[in-house]
C-alpha atoms as a PDB file:
ATOM      1  CA  MET A   1      41.112 -16.140  33.100  1.00  0.00           C
ATOM      2  CA  HIS A   2      42.746 -16.493  29.504  1.00  0.00           C
ATOM      3  CA  ARG A   3      40.360 -19.560  29.035  1.00  0.00           C
ATOM      4  CA  LEU A   4      37.611 -17.730  30.231  1.00  0.00           C
ATOM      5  CA  ARG A   5      38.300 -14.633  28.134  1.00  0.00           C
ATOM      6  CA  LEU A   6      39.086 -17.017  25.161  1.00  0.00           C
ATOM      7  CA  ALA A   7      35.723 -18.717  25.739  1.00  0.00           C
ATOM      8  CA  LEU A   8      33.354 -15.518  25.596  1.00  0.00           C
ATOM      9  CA  LEU A   9      35.466 -14.180  22.178  1.00  0.00           C
ATOM     10  CA  THR A  10      34.521 -17.522  20.480  1.00  0.00           C
ATOM     11  CA  ALA A  11      30.758 -17.597  21.811  1.00  0.00           C
ATOM     12  CA  VAL A  12      30.716 -13.842  20.656  1.00  0.00           C
ATOM     13  CA  ALA A  13      32.320 -14.652  17.102  1.00  0.00           C
ATOM     14  CA  LEU A  14      29.374 -17.470  16.480  1.00  0.00           C
ATOM     15  CA  VAL A  15      26.533 -15.440  17.552  1.00  0.00           C
ATOM     16  CA  LEU A  16      27.623 -12.658  15.077  1.00  0.00           C
ATOM     17  CA  THR A  17      28.717 -15.040  12.707  1.00  0.00           C
ATOM     18  CA  VAL A  18      25.098 -17.103  13.080  1.00  0.00           C
ATOM     19  CA  ALA A  19      23.620 -13.270  12.613  1.00  0.00           C
ATOM     20  CA  LEU A  20      25.820 -12.415   9.398  1.00  0.00           C
ATOM     21  CA  VAL A  21      24.282 -15.544   7.588  1.00  0.00           C
ATOM     22  CA  HIS A  22      20.950 -15.299   8.999  1.00  0.00           C
ATOM     23  CA  ALA A  23      21.028 -11.251   7.519  1.00  0.00           C
ATOM     24  CA  THR A  24      22.416 -11.966   4.299  1.00  0.00           C
ATOM     25  CA  ARG A  25      20.213 -14.809   3.659  1.00  0.00           C
ATOM     26  CA  SER A  26      17.042 -11.938   4.345  1.00  0.00           C
ATOM     27  CA  VAL A  27      18.188  -9.071   1.929  1.00  0.00           C
ATOM     28  CA  GLU A  28      18.624 -11.999  -1.079  1.00  0.00           C
ATOM     29  CA  ALA A  29      15.669 -13.282  -0.244  1.00  0.00           C
ATOM     30  CA  GLU A  30      14.015  -9.382  -0.844  1.00  0.00           C
ATOM     31  CA  VAL A  31      15.911  -8.821  -3.644  1.00  0.00           C
ATOM     32  CA  ALA A  32      16.260 -11.912  -5.887  1.00  0.00           C
ATOM     33  CA  PRO A  33      14.511 -12.047  -8.707  1.00  0.00           C
ATOM     34  CA  ALA A  34      11.479 -13.455  -9.043  1.00  0.00           C
ATOM     35  CA  SER A  35      10.545 -15.965 -12.435  1.00  0.00           C
ATOM     36  CA  GLY A  36       6.583 -15.161 -12.944  1.00  0.00           C
ATOM     37  CA  PRO A  37       4.102 -14.037 -10.646  1.00  0.00           C
ATOM     38  CA  ALA A  38       5.549 -14.273  -6.875  1.00  0.00           C
ATOM     39  CA  THR A  39       5.383 -12.752  -3.456  1.00  0.00           C
ATOM     40  CA  ALA A  40       7.757 -11.226  -1.148  1.00  0.00           C
ATOM     41  CA  THR A  41       8.152 -10.665   2.609  1.00  0.00           C
ATOM     42  CA  VAL A  42      10.850  -8.345   4.333  1.00  0.00           C
ATOM     43  CA  PRO A  43      12.688  -9.088   7.533  1.00  0.00           C
ATOM     44  CA  ALA A  44       9.882  -8.432   9.471  1.00  0.00           C
ATOM     45  CA  LEU A  45      10.900  -4.966  12.502  1.00  0.00           C
ATOM     46  CA  GLU A  46       9.161  -6.554  14.962  1.00  0.00           C
ATOM     47  CA  PRO A  47       7.317 -10.024  16.076  1.00  0.00           C
ATOM     48  CA  ALA A  48       4.024  -8.964  17.866  1.00  0.00           C
ATOM     49  CA  VAL A  49       0.585  -8.970  16.024  1.00  0.00           C
ATOM     50  CA  ILE A  50      -2.042  -8.137  18.177  1.00  0.00           C
ATOM     51  CA  THR A  51      -5.152  -8.300  16.362  1.00  0.00           C
ATOM     52  CA  ASP A  52      -7.878  -7.281  18.632  1.00  0.00           C
ATOM     53  CA  GLY A  53      -7.775  -4.362  21.892  1.00  0.00           C
ATOM     54  CA  PRO A  54      -9.191  -0.759  22.178  1.00  0.00           C
ATOM     55  CA  PRO A  55     -11.200   0.736  19.241  1.00  0.00           C
ATOM     56  CA  LEU A  56      -9.018   2.067  16.744  1.00  0.00           C
ATOM     57  CA  THR A  57     -10.537   4.970  14.534  1.00  0.00           C
ATOM     58  CA  LEU A  58      -8.370   5.705  11.082  1.00  0.00           C
ATOM     59  CA  ARG A  59      -8.617   7.811   7.685  1.00  0.00           C
ATOM     60  CA  LEU A  60      -7.494   6.015   4.936  1.00  0.00           C
ATOM     61  CA  MET A  61      -6.848   7.434   1.368  1.00  0.00           C
ATOM     62  CA  THR A  62      -5.660   6.714  -1.906  1.00  0.00           C
ATOM     63  CA  TYR A  63      -3.899   9.212  -4.786  1.00  0.00           C
ATOM     64  CA  ASN A  64      -3.053   8.582  -7.996  1.00  0.00           C
ATOM     65  CA  LEU A  65      -0.341  11.118  -8.448  1.00  0.00           C
ATOM     66  CA  LEU A  66      -0.304  11.376 -12.142  1.00  0.00           C
ATOM     67  CA  GLY A  67       3.476  10.370 -12.951  1.00  0.00           C
ATOM     68  CA  SER A  68       5.401  13.728 -13.352  1.00  0.00           C
ATOM     69  CA  HIS A  69       6.225  12.462 -17.132  1.00  0.00           C
ATOM     70  CA  HIS A  70       2.226  12.676 -17.623  1.00  0.00           C
ATOM     71  CA  THR A  71       2.759  16.895 -17.282  1.00  0.00           C
ATOM     72  CA  GLU A  72       5.841  17.375 -19.054  1.00  0.00           C
ATOM     73  CA  PRO A  73       5.776  19.135 -22.571  1.00  0.00           C
ATOM     74  CA  GLY A  74       4.510  16.862 -24.617  1.00  0.00           C
ATOM     75  CA  GLY A  75       3.062  14.674 -21.830  1.00  0.00           C
ATOM     76  CA  MET A  76      -0.682  13.278 -22.118  1.00  0.00           C
ATOM     77  CA  HIS A  77      -1.623  16.226 -19.506  1.00  0.00           C
ATOM     78  CA  ASP A  78       0.687  19.015 -19.998  1.00  0.00           C
ATOM     79  CA  GLU A  79      -2.149  21.462 -19.675  1.00  0.00           C
ATOM     80  CA  MET A  80      -1.653  20.835 -16.227  1.00  0.00           C
ATOM     81  CA  ALA A  81       0.954  22.007 -13.516  1.00  0.00           C
ATOM     82  CA  PRO A  82       4.660  20.478 -13.495  1.00  0.00           C
ATOM     83  CA  SER A  83       5.177  17.608 -11.112  1.00  0.00           C
ATOM     84  CA  ALA A  84       7.170  20.007  -8.371  1.00  0.00           C
ATOM     85  CA  LEU A  85       3.767  22.341  -7.938  1.00  0.00           C
ATOM     86  CA  ARG A  86       0.960  18.951  -8.059  1.00  0.00           C
ATOM     87  CA  SER A  87       3.537  17.295  -5.221  1.00  0.00           C
ATOM     88  CA  GLN A  88       3.019  20.387  -2.706  1.00  0.00           C
ATOM     89  CA  TRP A  89      -0.640  20.321  -3.323  1.00  0.00           C
ATOM     90  CA  GLY A  90      -0.990  16.428  -3.212  1.00  0.00           C
ATOM     91  CA  ALA A  91       0.633  17.010   0.420  1.00  0.00           C
ATOM     92  CA  ASP A  92      -1.851  19.561   0.944  1.00  0.00           C
ATOM     93  CA  LEU A  93      -4.893  17.005  -0.102  1.00  0.00           C
ATOM     94  CA  VAL A  94      -3.143  14.210   2.579  1.00  0.00           C
ATOM     95  CA  ARG A  95      -3.073  17.128   4.821  1.00  0.00           C
ATOM     96  CA  ASP A  96      -6.640  17.898   4.079  1.00  0.00           C
ATOM     97  CA  GLN A  97      -7.963  15.027   4.499  1.00  0.00           C
ATOM     98  CA  ARG A  98      -5.914  14.564   7.607  1.00  0.00           C
ATOM     99  CA  ALA A  99      -4.765  10.946   6.498  1.00  0.00           C
ATOM    100  CA  ASP A 100      -3.561   8.375   8.594  1.00  0.00           C
ATOM    101  CA  VAL A 101      -2.618   6.056   5.619  1.00  0.00           C
ATOM    102  CA  VAL A 102      -2.115   7.017   2.062  1.00  0.00           C
ATOM    103  CA  GLY A 103      -1.869   4.212  -0.691  1.00  0.00           C
ATOM    104  CA  MET A 104      -0.526   6.753  -3.633  1.00  0.00           C
ATOM    105  CA  GLN A 105      -0.158   5.047  -7.322  1.00  0.00           C
ATOM    106  CA  GLU A 106       2.357   6.344 -10.846  1.00  0.00           C
ATOM    107  CA  VAL A 107       5.091   7.599  -8.169  1.00  0.00           C
ATOM    108  CA  ARG A 108       8.046   8.844 -10.270  1.00  0.00           C
ATOM    109  CA  PRO A 109      11.283   9.216  -8.166  1.00  0.00           C
ATOM    110  CA  GLU A 110      11.037  13.100  -8.061  1.00  0.00           C
ATOM    111  CA  GLN A 111       7.964  12.709  -6.512  1.00  0.00           C
ATOM    112  CA  ILE A 112       9.423  10.473  -3.853  1.00  0.00           C
ATOM    113  CA  ALA A 113      11.718  13.041  -2.947  1.00  0.00           C
ATOM    114  CA  ALA A 114       8.952  15.331  -2.889  1.00  0.00           C
ATOM    115  CA  PHE A 115       6.743  14.027  -0.856  1.00  0.00           C
ATOM    116  CA  GLN A 116       9.222  12.980   1.797  1.00  0.00           C
ATOM    117  CA  ARG A 117      10.310  16.990   1.674  1.00  0.00           C
ATOM    118  CA  GLU A 118       6.436  18.191   1.859  1.00  0.00           C
ATOM    119  CA  LEU A 119       5.103  15.561   4.306  1.00  0.00           C
ATOM    120  CA  PRO A 120       8.213  15.055   6.680  1.00  0.00           C
ATOM    121  CA  GLY A 121       5.900  13.735   9.237  1.00  0.00           C
ATOM    122  CA  TYR A 122       5.139  10.414   7.274  1.00  0.00           C
ATOM    123  CA  ASP A 123       7.194   7.560   6.843  1.00  0.00           C
ATOM    124  CA  MET A 124       7.063   6.228   3.195  1.00  0.00           C
ATOM    125  CA  TRP A 125       7.466   2.510   2.007  1.00  0.00           C
ATOM    126  CA  PRO A 126       9.266   0.769  -0.358  1.00  0.00           C
ATOM    127  CA  VAL A 127      11.074   3.872  -1.649  1.00  0.00           C
ATOM    128  CA  LEU A 128      13.201   2.363  -3.533  1.00  0.00           C
ATOM    129  CA  ALA A 129      13.723  -0.861  -1.685  1.00  0.00           C
ATOM    130  CA  ASN A 130      11.608  -2.782  -3.870  1.00  0.00           C
ATOM    131  CA  GLY A 131      13.771  -1.800  -7.177  1.00  0.00           C
ATOM    132  CA  SER A 132      12.134  -0.430 -10.622  1.00  0.00           C
ATOM    133  CA  LEU A 133       9.270  -3.002 -10.474  1.00  0.00           C
ATOM    134  CA  GLY A 134       7.914  -1.205  -7.181  1.00  0.00           C
ATOM    135  CA  ARG A 135       9.203   2.333  -7.440  1.00  0.00           C
ATOM    136  CA  PRO A 136       5.641   3.233  -8.625  1.00  0.00           C
ATOM    137  CA  ASN A 137       3.727   2.030  -5.820  1.00  0.00           C
ATOM    138  CA  GLN A 138       4.516   3.752  -2.475  1.00  0.00           C
ATOM    139  CA  ILE A 139       2.323   3.615   0.985  1.00  0.00           C
ATOM    140  CA  ILE A 140       2.927   6.560   3.461  1.00  0.00           C
ATOM    141  CA  TRP A 141       2.116   6.916   7.321  1.00  0.00           C
ATOM    142  CA  ASN A 142       1.547   9.349  10.213  1.00  0.00           C
ATOM    143  CA  ALA A 143       4.760   8.040  11.783  1.00  0.00           C
ATOM    144  CA  SER A 144       3.648   9.931  15.083  1.00  0.00           C
ATOM    145  CA  ARG A 145       0.816   7.410  15.059  1.00  0.00           C
ATOM    146  CA  PHE A 146       2.188   4.548  13.686  1.00  0.00           C
ATOM    147  CA  THR A 147       5.575   2.032  13.752  1.00  0.00           C
ATOM    148  CA  ARG A 148       6.105  -0.213  10.210  1.00  0.00           C
ATOM    149  CA  LEU A 149       6.626  -4.181  11.808  1.00  0.00           C
ATOM    150  CA  ASP A 150       6.317  -5.831   8.481  1.00  0.00           C
ATOM    151  CA  ALA A 151       6.380  -5.575   4.442  1.00  0.00           C
ATOM    152  CA  GLY A 152       6.513  -7.391   1.106  1.00  0.00           C
ATOM    153  CA  TYR A 153       4.842  -7.043  -2.254  1.00  0.00           C
ATOM    154  CA  VAL A 154       3.099  -9.396  -4.676  1.00  0.00           C
ATOM    155  CA  GLU A 155       3.936  -9.007  -8.381  1.00  0.00           C
ATOM    156  CA  VAL A 156       1.417  -8.779 -10.887  1.00  0.00           C
ATOM    157  CA  PRO A 157       1.368  -8.212 -14.746  1.00  0.00           C
ATOM    158  CA  SER A 158       0.553  -5.320 -15.645  1.00  0.00           C
ATOM    159  CA  MET A 159       0.811  -3.687 -19.265  1.00  0.00           C
ATOM    160  CA  GLY A 160       2.676  -6.587 -20.609  1.00  0.00           C
ATOM    161  CA  GLU A 161       5.458  -6.280 -18.148  1.00  0.00           C
ATOM    162  CA  THR A 162       5.306  -6.729 -14.514  1.00  0.00           C
ATOM    163  CA  ARG A 163       4.717  -5.010 -10.901  1.00  0.00           C
ATOM    164  CA  ARG A 164       5.417  -4.886  -7.457  1.00  0.00           C
ATOM    165  CA  MET A 165       2.690  -3.933  -5.583  1.00  0.00           C
ATOM    166  CA  PRO A 166       3.290  -3.123  -1.811  1.00  0.00           C
ATOM    167  CA  TYR A 167       1.853  -3.514   1.903  1.00  0.00           C
ATOM    168  CA  VAL A 168       2.774  -3.136   5.164  1.00  0.00           C
ATOM    169  CA  LEU A 169       1.984  -4.066   8.755  1.00  0.00           C
ATOM    170  CA  LEU A 170       1.513  -0.792  10.764  1.00  0.00           C
ATOM    171  CA  LYS A 171       1.049  -0.830  14.710  1.00  0.00           C
ATOM    172  CA  ASP A 172      -0.922   1.752  16.677  1.00  0.00           C
ATOM    173  CA  ARG A 173       1.510   3.519  18.790  1.00  0.00           C
ATOM    174  CA  SER A 174      -1.126   3.989  21.501  1.00  0.00           C
ATOM    175  CA  THR A 175      -3.154   0.567  21.253  1.00  0.00           C
ATOM    176  CA  ALA A 176      -0.984  -1.929  19.878  1.00  0.00           C
ATOM    177  CA  ARG A 177      -3.581  -3.220  17.328  1.00  0.00           C
ATOM    178  CA  THR A 178      -2.150  -3.713  13.888  1.00  0.00           C
ATOM    179  CA  PHE A 179      -3.830  -4.060  10.456  1.00  0.00           C
ATOM    180  CA  TRP A 180      -2.428  -4.438   7.012  1.00  0.00           C
ATOM    181  CA  TYR A 181      -2.413  -1.588   4.390  1.00  0.00           C
ATOM    182  CA  PHE A 182      -2.076  -3.519   0.640  1.00  0.00           C
ATOM    183  CA  ASN A 183      -1.802  -0.640  -2.176  1.00  0.00           C
ATOM    184  CA  ILE A 184      -2.241  -1.694  -6.017  1.00  0.00           C
ATOM    185  CA  HIS A 185      -2.760  -0.441  -9.077  1.00  0.00           C
ATOM    186  CA  ASN A 186      -4.149  -2.884 -11.773  1.00  0.00           C
ATOM    187  CA  SER A 187      -3.900  -2.490 -15.389  1.00  0.00           C
ATOM    188  CA  PRO A 188      -5.539  -0.201 -17.442  1.00  0.00           C
ATOM    189  CA  GLY A 189      -7.789  -0.128 -20.636  1.00  0.00           C
ATOM    190  CA  ASP A 190      -8.623  -2.967 -22.857  1.00  0.00           C
ATOM    191  CA  ARG A 191      -5.795  -5.087 -20.675  1.00  0.00           C
ATOM    192  CA  GLN A 192      -9.008  -7.509 -18.657  1.00  0.00           C
ATOM    193  CA  ALA A 193      -7.354 -10.420 -18.920  1.00  0.00           C
ATOM    194  CA  GLU A 194      -4.328  -9.347 -16.711  1.00  0.00           C
ATOM    195  CA  ARG A 195      -6.776  -7.140 -14.816  1.00  0.00           C
ATOM    196  CA  ASP A 196      -8.035 -10.435 -13.963  1.00  0.00           C
ATOM    197  CA  ARG A 197      -5.044 -12.225 -12.937  1.00  0.00           C
ATOM    198  CA  ASP A 198      -4.169  -9.138 -10.661  1.00  0.00           C
ATOM    199  CA  LEU A 199      -7.033  -9.088  -9.295  1.00  0.00           C
ATOM    200  CA  VAL A 200      -6.654 -13.448  -8.459  1.00  0.00           C
ATOM    201  CA  LEU A 201      -3.164 -12.479  -7.239  1.00  0.00           C
ATOM    202  CA  GLU A 202      -4.440  -9.764  -5.084  1.00  0.00           C
ATOM    203  CA  THR A 203      -7.260 -11.546  -3.176  1.00  0.00           C
ATOM    204  CA  ALA A 204      -4.879 -14.543  -2.666  1.00  0.00           C
ATOM    205  CA  LYS A 205      -1.755 -12.500  -0.398  1.00  0.00           C
ATOM    206  CA  ILE A 206      -5.333 -10.752   1.221  1.00  0.00           C
ATOM    207  CA  ASN A 207      -6.398 -14.035   2.730  1.00  0.00           C
ATOM    208  CA  GLU A 208      -3.367 -14.866   3.069  1.00  0.00           C
ATOM    209  CA  LEU A 209      -2.369 -11.951   5.167  1.00  0.00           C
ATOM    210  CA  ARG A 210      -5.888 -12.379   7.172  1.00  0.00           C
ATOM    211  CA  ALA A 211      -5.730 -16.305   8.505  1.00  0.00           C
ATOM    212  CA  ASP A 212      -4.340 -15.001  11.536  1.00  0.00           C
ATOM    213  CA  GLY A 213      -7.415 -12.368  11.724  1.00  0.00           C
ATOM    214  CA  THR A 214      -5.404  -8.986  11.205  1.00  0.00           C
ATOM    215  CA  PRO A 215      -7.158  -6.282   9.663  1.00  0.00           C
ATOM    216  CA  VAL A 216      -6.417  -6.143   5.981  1.00  0.00           C
ATOM    217  CA  PHE A 217      -7.222  -2.632   3.653  1.00  0.00           C
ATOM    218  CA  LEU A 218      -6.599  -2.527   0.463  1.00  0.00           C
ATOM    219  CA  GLY A 219      -6.550   0.225  -1.407  1.00  0.00           C
ATOM    220  CA  GLY A 220      -5.690   1.933  -4.951  1.00  0.00           C
ATOM    221  CA  ASP A 221      -6.274   2.528  -8.720  1.00  0.00           C
ATOM    222  CA  PHE A 222      -8.226  -0.869  -9.477  1.00  0.00           C
ATOM    223  CA  ASN A 223      -9.547   0.638 -13.622  1.00  0.00           C
ATOM    224  CA  GLU A 224     -11.982  -0.979 -12.723  1.00  0.00           C
ATOM    225  CA  THR A 225     -15.645  -0.409 -11.394  1.00  0.00           C
ATOM    226  CA  SER A 226     -18.405  -2.984 -10.710  1.00  0.00           C
ATOM    227  CA  ARG A 227     -16.431  -5.664 -12.225  1.00  0.00           C
ATOM    228  CA  ALA A 228     -13.128  -5.010  -9.155  1.00  0.00           C
ATOM    229  CA  MET A 229     -15.669  -5.038  -6.861  1.00  0.00           C
ATOM    230  CA  CYS A 230     -17.618  -7.990  -6.832  1.00  0.00           C
ATOM    231  CA  THR A 231     -14.115 -10.190  -7.272  1.00  0.00           C
ATOM    232  CA  VAL A 232     -13.067  -8.782  -4.574  1.00  0.00           C
ATOM    233  CA  LEU A 233     -15.836  -8.804  -2.165  1.00  0.00           C
ATOM    234  CA  ALA A 234     -16.832 -12.277  -3.414  1.00  0.00           C
ATOM    235  CA  ARG A 235     -12.811 -13.554  -2.749  1.00  0.00           C
ATOM    236  CA  THR A 236     -12.524 -12.253   0.476  1.00  0.00           C
ATOM    237  CA  ASP A 237     -14.195 -10.774   3.447  1.00  0.00           C
ATOM    238  CA  LEU A 238     -13.428  -7.576   2.601  1.00  0.00           C
ATOM    239  CA  GLU A 239     -15.843  -5.318   2.890  1.00  0.00           C
ATOM    240  CA  SER A 240     -16.261  -1.920   0.592  1.00  0.00           C
ATOM    241  CA  SER A 241     -15.962   1.492   2.035  1.00  0.00           C
ATOM    242  CA  ALA A 242     -18.076   2.830  -1.104  1.00  0.00           C
ATOM    243  CA  GLY A 243     -20.614   0.629  -0.538  1.00  0.00           C
ATOM    244  CA  GLY A 244     -22.343  -1.990  -1.990  1.00  0.00           C
ATOM    245  CA  ILE A 245     -22.686  -5.775  -1.383  1.00  0.00           C
ATOM    246  CA  HIS A 246     -22.036  -9.302  -2.412  1.00  0.00           C
ATOM    247  CA  ASP A 247     -24.234 -11.871  -0.758  1.00  0.00           C
ATOM    248  CA  GLY A 248     -22.492 -14.946  -2.234  1.00  0.00           C
ATOM    249  CA  THR A 249     -24.500 -14.667  -5.281  1.00  0.00           C
ATOM    250  CA  THR A 250     -25.603 -11.721  -5.976  1.00  0.00           C
ATOM    251  CA  CYS A 251     -23.250  -8.089  -6.359  1.00  0.00           C
ATOM    252  CA  LYS A 252     -24.783  -5.104  -6.106  1.00  0.00           C
ATOM    253  CA  ALA A 253     -22.700  -2.550  -6.618  1.00  0.00           C
ATOM    254  CA  PRO A 254     -23.046   1.286  -4.992  1.00  0.00           C
ATOM    255  CA  SER A 255     -23.972   4.331  -7.215  1.00  0.00           C
ATOM    256  CA  GLY A 256     -21.110   6.775  -8.129  1.00  0.00           C
ATOM    257  CA  MET A 257     -18.555   4.275  -7.888  1.00  0.00           C
ATOM    258  CA  ARG A 258     -15.194   6.006  -9.128  1.00  0.00           C
ATOM    259  CA  ILE A 259     -12.001   3.160 -10.319  1.00  0.00           C
ATOM    260  CA  ASP A 260     -10.675   4.126  -7.645  1.00  0.00           C
ATOM    261  CA  TRP A 261     -11.376   2.195  -4.255  1.00  0.00           C
ATOM    262  CA  ILE A 262     -10.543   1.484  -0.529  1.00  0.00           C
ATOM    263  CA  PHE A 263     -11.518  -1.911   1.193  1.00  0.00           C
ATOM    264  CA  GLY A 264     -11.151  -3.751   4.336  1.00  0.00           C
ATOM    265  CA  ASN A 265     -12.359  -4.749   7.320  1.00  0.00           C
ATOM    266  CA  GLY A 266     -13.735  -2.926  10.214  1.00  0.00           C
ATOM    267  CA  THR A 267     -16.699  -0.395  10.427  1.00  0.00           C
ATOM    268  CA  PHE A 268     -16.322   2.153   7.817  1.00  0.00           C
ATOM    269  CA  SER A 269     -17.985   5.740   7.465  1.00  0.00           C
ATOM    270  CA  ALA A 270     -17.032   9.519   5.813  1.00  0.00           C
ATOM    271  CA  TYR A 271     -16.164   7.718   2.433  1.00  0.00           C
ATOM    272  CA  ALA A 272     -15.477  10.343   0.057  1.00  0.00           C
ATOM    273  CA  ALA A 273     -14.891  10.802  -3.864  1.00  0.00           C
ATOM    274  CA  THR A 274     -14.160  14.475  -4.707  1.00  0.00           C
ATOM    275  CA  LYS A 275     -11.932  16.226  -6.569  1.00  0.00           C
ATOM    276  CA  PRO A 276     -11.668  19.664  -4.623  1.00  0.00           C
ATOM    277  CA  PRO A 277      -9.590  22.574  -6.703  1.00  0.00           C
ATOM    278  CA  LEU A 278      -6.145  21.321  -5.894  1.00  0.00           C
ATOM    279  CA  ALA A 279      -6.725  17.822  -7.162  1.00  0.00           C
ATOM    280  CA  ARG A 280      -8.493  19.188 -10.378  1.00  0.00           C
ATOM    281  CA  TYR A 281      -4.960  20.595 -11.043  1.00  0.00           C
ATOM    282  CA  ALA A 282      -2.654  17.817  -9.122  1.00  0.00           C
ATOM    283  CA  THR A 283      -4.181  14.655 -10.589  1.00  0.00           C
ATOM    284  CA  ASP A 284      -6.661  13.069 -13.043  1.00  0.00           C
ATOM    285  CA  HIS A 285      -7.905  10.599 -10.461  1.00  0.00           C
ATOM    286  CA  TRP A 286     -10.612  11.429  -7.777  1.00  0.00           C
ATOM    287  CA  ILE A 287      -9.362  11.630  -4.161  1.00  0.00           C
ATOM    288  CA  VAL A 288     -10.965   8.600  -2.448  1.00  0.00           C
ATOM    289  CA  ALA A 289     -11.254   8.559   1.240  1.00  0.00           C
ATOM    290  CA  THR A 290     -12.897   6.746   3.806  1.00  0.00           C
ATOM    291  CA  SER A 291     -12.922   6.401   7.879  1.00  0.00           C
ATOM    292  CA  VAL A 292     -12.938   3.203   9.606  1.00  0.00           C
ATOM    293  CA  ARG A 293     -13.043   1.844  13.033  1.00  0.00           C
ATOM    294  CA  LEU A 294     -12.036  -1.399  14.395  1.00  0.00           C
ATOM    295  CA  ASP A 295     -13.314  -2.479  17.465  1.00  0.00           C
END
């Protein structure tokens, strides 16, 4: 009996040691500083990836919140409502769109807390998991419909610094189908070289995520109109929810383009780029949303 108990204790200790080493390596891989543009993936929560099954319909949205510092006294948009009120209105906009997944940009710490408070039925990533380089870009999703299986980020140049653009792998609870949502915010203004580099890195990641057939959706503030669309369509197999085509040689952009885009796989419908009354005082961007069906 003593030998059996000793053997059992030894086996348990060995299992715990292996698990601890694996967990430590996973955490170190996630938080280790990168040298130059890089990607990182957090440990997967579940292994199953299902790329087909019953049809799945989603409502997607991209929303630049306008960072809270912009509406403080002396800020670029100090004529607009303060951040706390704008966060309440932003949550209303998400509910009005009945959005399942939302990519948000220019998110400050107090805005993270506000959206978590205002939208308790939504989960959020990365929150603060990607550090200060990743905090401005967040993804939220309807927690009653989806569970997160995996996540990561791509580092891109931005205004002379580096930002981490997050992506998540979500699983629909009813159909078990999975898809990626990738949220980006590329360099503004005259920083064309950075924007070009951003899209090279981002489209490379999309193709990597698409390798096993899993649908990918790319949304965010591209700070570009037709050039961004043509680049994404030329470099990936994604389609534009706003319309527009690239036949391999010629790119035709849609009318009424915005700098906020949603691309992806599937059949798009009910695309809308709107500025309802709440949005006019909540953000300096248009609210872009679309439905998509995965067959």
